[in-house]
Amino acid sequence: MAGVEERNRSRLAVALGAIGLGLVIVGLVLVIQHVDETAAKTPRAVAQGAVTADAIRGVLFLVLVLVGIFVVASLAFLRWSRGFRRWIFHKPAPATPSADVWAMHRLPEEADNPPSREGESPGPDDEESQGPGPG
């Protein structure tokens, strides 16, 4: 609810919920009153009134379902939009120092003593493959 202070949001939500509940109660009272009126009429009027009452009941049910879907969708949208807003306005992480990256680099402890490989021929960098020295 844009433009409404945080402390007043709950009050406004309670007020709107009370208004909605009042409208539902008024609708139920009107339906009950209509059913009572149709019971006192002639059989032909009762049949026509029953069809009308069923139509009204169906429309009220669909309106109730649509309002429920709207409320759930609105709450989901508000939750998503708050998270999106937080993501948009977050402070960026501080820059990583990059003056001397290689000085900060450390090899894992396992790299100091590489395991010996059995069955492999020594490579050009091994001492055994270099042969006798020049002098």
Foldseek 3Di string as FASTA:
>chain_A
DPPDDPVCPVVVVVVVVVVVVVVVVVLVVVLVVLLVVLVPDDPVSVVVSVVVSVVSVVVVVVVVVVVVVVVVVVVVVVVVVVVVVCVVPPDDDDDDDDPPVVVVDDDDPCVVDPDDDPPDDDDPPDPVNVPDDPD
